C-alpha atoms as a PDB file:
ATOM      1  CA  UNK A   1       0.247   0.239   0.020  1.00  0.00           C
ATOM      2  CA  UNK A   2       1.100   3.368  -0.600  1.00  0.00           C
ATOM      3  CA  UNK A   3       2.153   6.253   1.547  1.00  0.00           C
ATOM      4  CA  UNK A   4      -0.786   7.335  -0.590  1.00  0.00           C
ATOM      5  CA  UNK A   5      -2.643   5.427  -0.270  1.00  0.00           C
ATOM      6  CA  UNK A   6      -2.502   4.650   3.994  1.00  0.00           C
ATOM      7  CA  UNK A   7      -2.924   8.804   4.469  1.00  0.00           C
ATOM      8  CA  UNK A   8      -6.666   8.352   2.449  1.00  0.00           C
ATOM      9  CA  UNK A   9      -7.329   5.368   4.269  1.00  0.00           C
ATOM     10  CA  UNK A  10      -6.517   7.664   7.745  1.00  0.00           C
ATOM     11  CA  UNK A  11      -8.341   9.895   6.937  1.00  0.00           C
ATOM     12  CA  UNK A  12     -11.459   8.037   6.437  1.00  0.00           C
ATOM     13  CA  UNK A  13     -11.687   6.532   9.895  1.00  0.00           C
ATOM     14  CA  UNK A  14     -10.158  10.254  11.319  1.00  0.00           C
ATOM     15  CA  UNK A  15      -7.468  13.158  11.235  1.00  0.00           C
ATOM     16  CA  UNK A  16      -6.105  12.849  14.324  1.00  0.00           C
ATOM     17  CA  UNK A  17      -5.065   9.435  13.029  1.00  0.00           C
ATOM     18  CA  UNK A  18      -1.525   8.612  12.401  1.00  0.00           C
ATOM     19  CA  UNK A  19       0.305   6.891   9.673  1.00  0.00           C
ATOM     20  CA  UNK A  20       1.737   2.702  10.247  1.00  0.00           C
ATOM     21  CA  UNK A  21       5.049   3.523  10.247  1.00  0.00           C
ATOM     22  CA  UNK A  22       7.037   3.254   6.434  1.00  0.00           C
ATOM     23  CA  UNK A  23      10.791   3.131   6.156  1.00  0.00           C
ATOM     24  CA  UNK A  24      12.373   6.528   6.827  1.00  0.00           C
ATOM     25  CA  UNK A  25      12.577   9.077   3.993  1.00  0.00           C
ATOM     26  CA  UNK A  26      14.167  11.899   2.772  1.00  0.00           C
ATOM     27  CA  UNK A  27      11.233  13.953   2.469  1.00  0.00           C
ATOM     28  CA  UNK A  28      11.280  18.460   1.674  1.00  0.00           C
ATOM     29  CA  UNK A  29       8.781  20.449   4.333  1.00  0.00           C
ATOM     30  CA  UNK A  30       8.031  23.481   3.098  1.00  0.00           C
ATOM     31  CA  UNK A  31       5.377  26.946   4.625  1.00  0.00           C
ATOM     32  CA  UNK A  32       4.442  29.884   2.437  1.00  0.00           C
ATOM     33  CA  UNK A  33       4.728  32.856   4.743  1.00  0.00           C
ATOM     34  CA  UNK A  34       2.410  36.030   4.520  1.00  0.00           C
ATOM     35  CA  UNK A  35       4.230  38.053   2.636  1.00  0.00           C
ATOM     36  CA  UNK A  36       4.590  35.347  -0.585  1.00  0.00           C
ATOM     37  CA  UNK A  37       7.663  33.752   0.574  1.00  0.00           C
ATOM     38  CA  UNK A  38       8.442  30.339   0.863  1.00  0.00           C
ATOM     39  CA  UNK A  39      10.300  28.251   2.597  1.00  0.00           C
ATOM     40  CA  UNK A  40      12.237  25.378   3.237  1.00  0.00           C
ATOM     41  CA  UNK A  41      13.383  22.066   4.462  1.00  0.00           C
ATOM     42  CA  UNK A  42      15.123  18.344   4.380  1.00  0.00           C
ATOM     43  CA  UNK A  43      14.065  16.222   7.234  1.00  0.00           C
ATOM     44  CA  UNK A  44      14.727  12.537   7.276  1.00  0.00           C
ATOM     45  CA  UNK A  45      11.047  10.856   8.497  1.00  0.00           C
ATOM     46  CA  UNK A  46       9.318   7.723   9.133  1.00  0.00           C
ATOM     47  CA  UNK A  47       5.633   9.058   9.267  1.00  0.00           C
ATOM     48  CA  UNK A  48       3.442  12.014   8.107  1.00  0.00           C
ATOM     49  CA  UNK A  49       3.427  13.801  11.191  1.00  0.00           C
ATOM     50  CA  UNK A  50       6.844  13.186  11.647  1.00  0.00           C
ATOM     51  CA  UNK A  51       7.653  14.862   8.663  1.00  0.00           C
ATOM     52  CA  UNK A  52       5.995  17.529   9.329  1.00  0.00           C
ATOM     53  CA  UNK A  53       7.373  18.204  13.019  1.00  0.00           C
ATOM     54  CA  UNK A  54      10.852  17.646  12.537  1.00  0.00           C
ATOM     55  CA  UNK A  55      10.406  20.470   8.866  1.00  0.00           C
ATOM     56  CA  UNK A  56       8.569  22.794  11.772  1.00  0.00           C
ATOM     57  CA  UNK A  57      11.550  21.627  14.170  1.00  0.00           C
ATOM     58  CA  UNK A  58      14.328  22.879  11.566  1.00  0.00           C
ATOM     59  CA  UNK A  59      12.546  25.966  10.035  1.00  0.00           C
ATOM     60  CA  UNK A  60      11.983  27.183  13.898  1.00  0.00           C
ATOM     61  CA  UNK A  61      15.427  25.947  15.072  1.00  0.00           C
ATOM     62  CA  UNK A  62      16.565  28.160  11.592  1.00  0.00           C
ATOM     63  CA  UNK A  63      14.328  31.713  12.460  1.00  0.00           C
ATOM     64  CA  UNK A  64      12.185  30.835   9.787  1.00  0.00           C
ATOM     65  CA  UNK A  65       8.582  30.485  11.334  1.00  0.00           C
ATOM     66  CA  UNK A  66       7.834  34.018  11.721  1.00  0.00           C
ATOM     67  CA  UNK A  67       4.161  34.843  11.148  1.00  0.00           C
ATOM     68  CA  UNK A  68       3.425  30.913  11.027  1.00  0.00           C
ATOM     69  CA  UNK A  69       0.210  30.267  13.007  1.00  0.00           C
ATOM     70  CA  UNK A  70      -1.901  26.907  13.161  1.00  0.00           C
ATOM     71  CA  UNK A  71      -3.534  27.740   9.215  1.00  0.00           C
ATOM     72  CA  UNK A  72      -0.425  27.849   7.723  1.00  0.00           C
ATOM     73  CA  UNK A  73      -0.633  24.350   5.733  1.00  0.00           C
ATOM     74  CA  UNK A  74       2.590  23.072   5.401  1.00  0.00           C
ATOM     75  CA  UNK A  75       3.792  21.099   2.373  1.00  0.00           C
ATOM     76  CA  UNK A  76       5.748  17.203   3.021  1.00  0.00           C
ATOM     77  CA  UNK A  77       7.155  16.089  -0.353  1.00  0.00           C
ATOM     78  CA  UNK A  78       8.374  12.930  -0.169  1.00  0.00           C
ATOM     79  CA  UNK A  79      10.811  11.614  -2.550  1.00  0.00           C
ATOM     80  CA  UNK A  80      11.105   8.450  -2.947  1.00  0.00           C
ATOM     81  CA  UNK A  81       8.491   7.434  -3.831  1.00  0.00           C
ATOM     82  CA  UNK A  82       7.886  10.838  -5.154  1.00  0.00           C
ATOM     83  CA  UNK A  83       4.673  12.137  -3.077  1.00  0.00           C
ATOM     84  CA  UNK A  84       3.647  15.334  -1.958  1.00  0.00           C
ATOM     85  CA  UNK A  85       0.988  15.874   1.373  1.00  0.00           C
ATOM     86  CA  UNK A  86      -0.218  18.493   2.809  1.00  0.00           C
ATOM     87  CA  UNK A  87      -1.703  19.210   6.593  1.00  0.00           C
ATOM     88  CA  UNK A  88      -2.264  22.703   8.628  1.00  0.00           C
ATOM     89  CA  UNK A  89       0.555  23.201  11.373  1.00  0.00           C
ATOM     90  CA  UNK A  90      -3.218  22.692  14.272  1.00  0.00           C
ATOM     91  CA  UNK A  91      -3.412  18.805  12.432  1.00  0.00           C
ATOM     92  CA  UNK A  92       0.263  18.442  14.117  1.00  0.00           C
ATOM     93  CA  UNK A  93       0.047  19.766  17.204  1.00  0.00           C
ATOM     94  CA  UNK A  94      -3.237  17.585  17.772  1.00  0.00           C
ATOM     95  CA  UNK A  95      -0.882  13.935  15.923  1.00  0.00           C
ATOM     96  CA  UNK A  96       1.839  15.068  19.523  1.00  0.00           C
ATOM     97  CA  UNK A  97      -0.935  15.590  21.614  1.00  0.00           C
ATOM     98  CA  UNK A  98      -2.625  12.720  19.895  1.00  0.00           C
ATOM     99  CA  UNK A  99      -3.192   9.105  22.027  1.00  0.00           C
ATOM    100  CA  UNK A 100      -1.308   6.109  21.067  1.00  0.00           C
ATOM    101  CA  UNK A 101      -0.810   2.633  21.174  1.00  0.00           C
ATOM    102  CA  UNK A 102       2.069   1.909  20.069  1.00  0.00           C
ATOM    103  CA  UNK A 103       5.940   2.977  21.922  1.00  0.00           C
ATOM    104  CA  UNK A 104       7.463   3.682  18.891  1.00  0.00           C
ATOM    105  CA  UNK A 105       5.035   5.891  17.841  1.00  0.00           C
ATOM    106  CA  UNK A 106       4.676   7.138  21.658  1.00  0.00           C
ATOM    107  CA  UNK A 107       8.824   8.565  21.411  1.00  0.00           C
ATOM    108  CA  UNK A 108       8.435  10.040  17.771  1.00  0.00           C
ATOM    109  CA  UNK A 109       5.711  11.843  19.563  1.00  0.00           C
ATOM    110  CA  UNK A 110       7.447  12.885  22.247  1.00  0.00           C
ATOM    111  CA  UNK A 111      10.847  13.934  20.267  1.00  0.00           C
ATOM    112  CA  UNK A 112       8.909  15.992  17.819  1.00  0.00           C
ATOM    113  CA  UNK A 113       7.234  18.569  20.845  1.00  0.00           C
ATOM    114  CA  UNK A 114      10.892  18.401  22.428  1.00  0.00           C
ATOM    115  CA  UNK A 115      11.981  19.740  19.422  1.00  0.00           C
ATOM    116  CA  UNK A 116       9.138  22.481  18.794  1.00  0.00           C
ATOM    117  CA  UNK A 117       9.358  22.911  22.033  1.00  0.00           C
ATOM    118  CA  UNK A 118       5.834  22.246  23.248  1.00  0.00           C
END
C-alpha cells in the first residue's frame, strides 16, 4: 500500500489518526509565509506527521517561522517514491497531543514535541 493510500485510509478513520511506520525517507517540508516567501527544509522521517514536526522544528530553529499560525499549510514532499502531502500546523499539534498505544509512536511524538519546545 502506498503512502498516499495509507493517508487516504487514515483520513476516512479520522484526521487524528497516524500513518503506519514506513521506511526512513527524505522529505522536503515547506510553507509559504504571509509575505509570499516559500521556506523549505529537508528531513528524514518514518511518517508524514514526524516529517512535518521535524521540518517545522528545523525551520523554527533557523528562525524562518515568523507569521506561522495554526492554519498555516505545511507541504511535505516525499522524495522516494515521489509524493506530496499537505497538513496544517493545527493538525500537527493534534497529532503530537494525540493518544497512541505504539511505544515507537509515543517516542516519535515526544521527540517532535521536544524539538518544537511544546
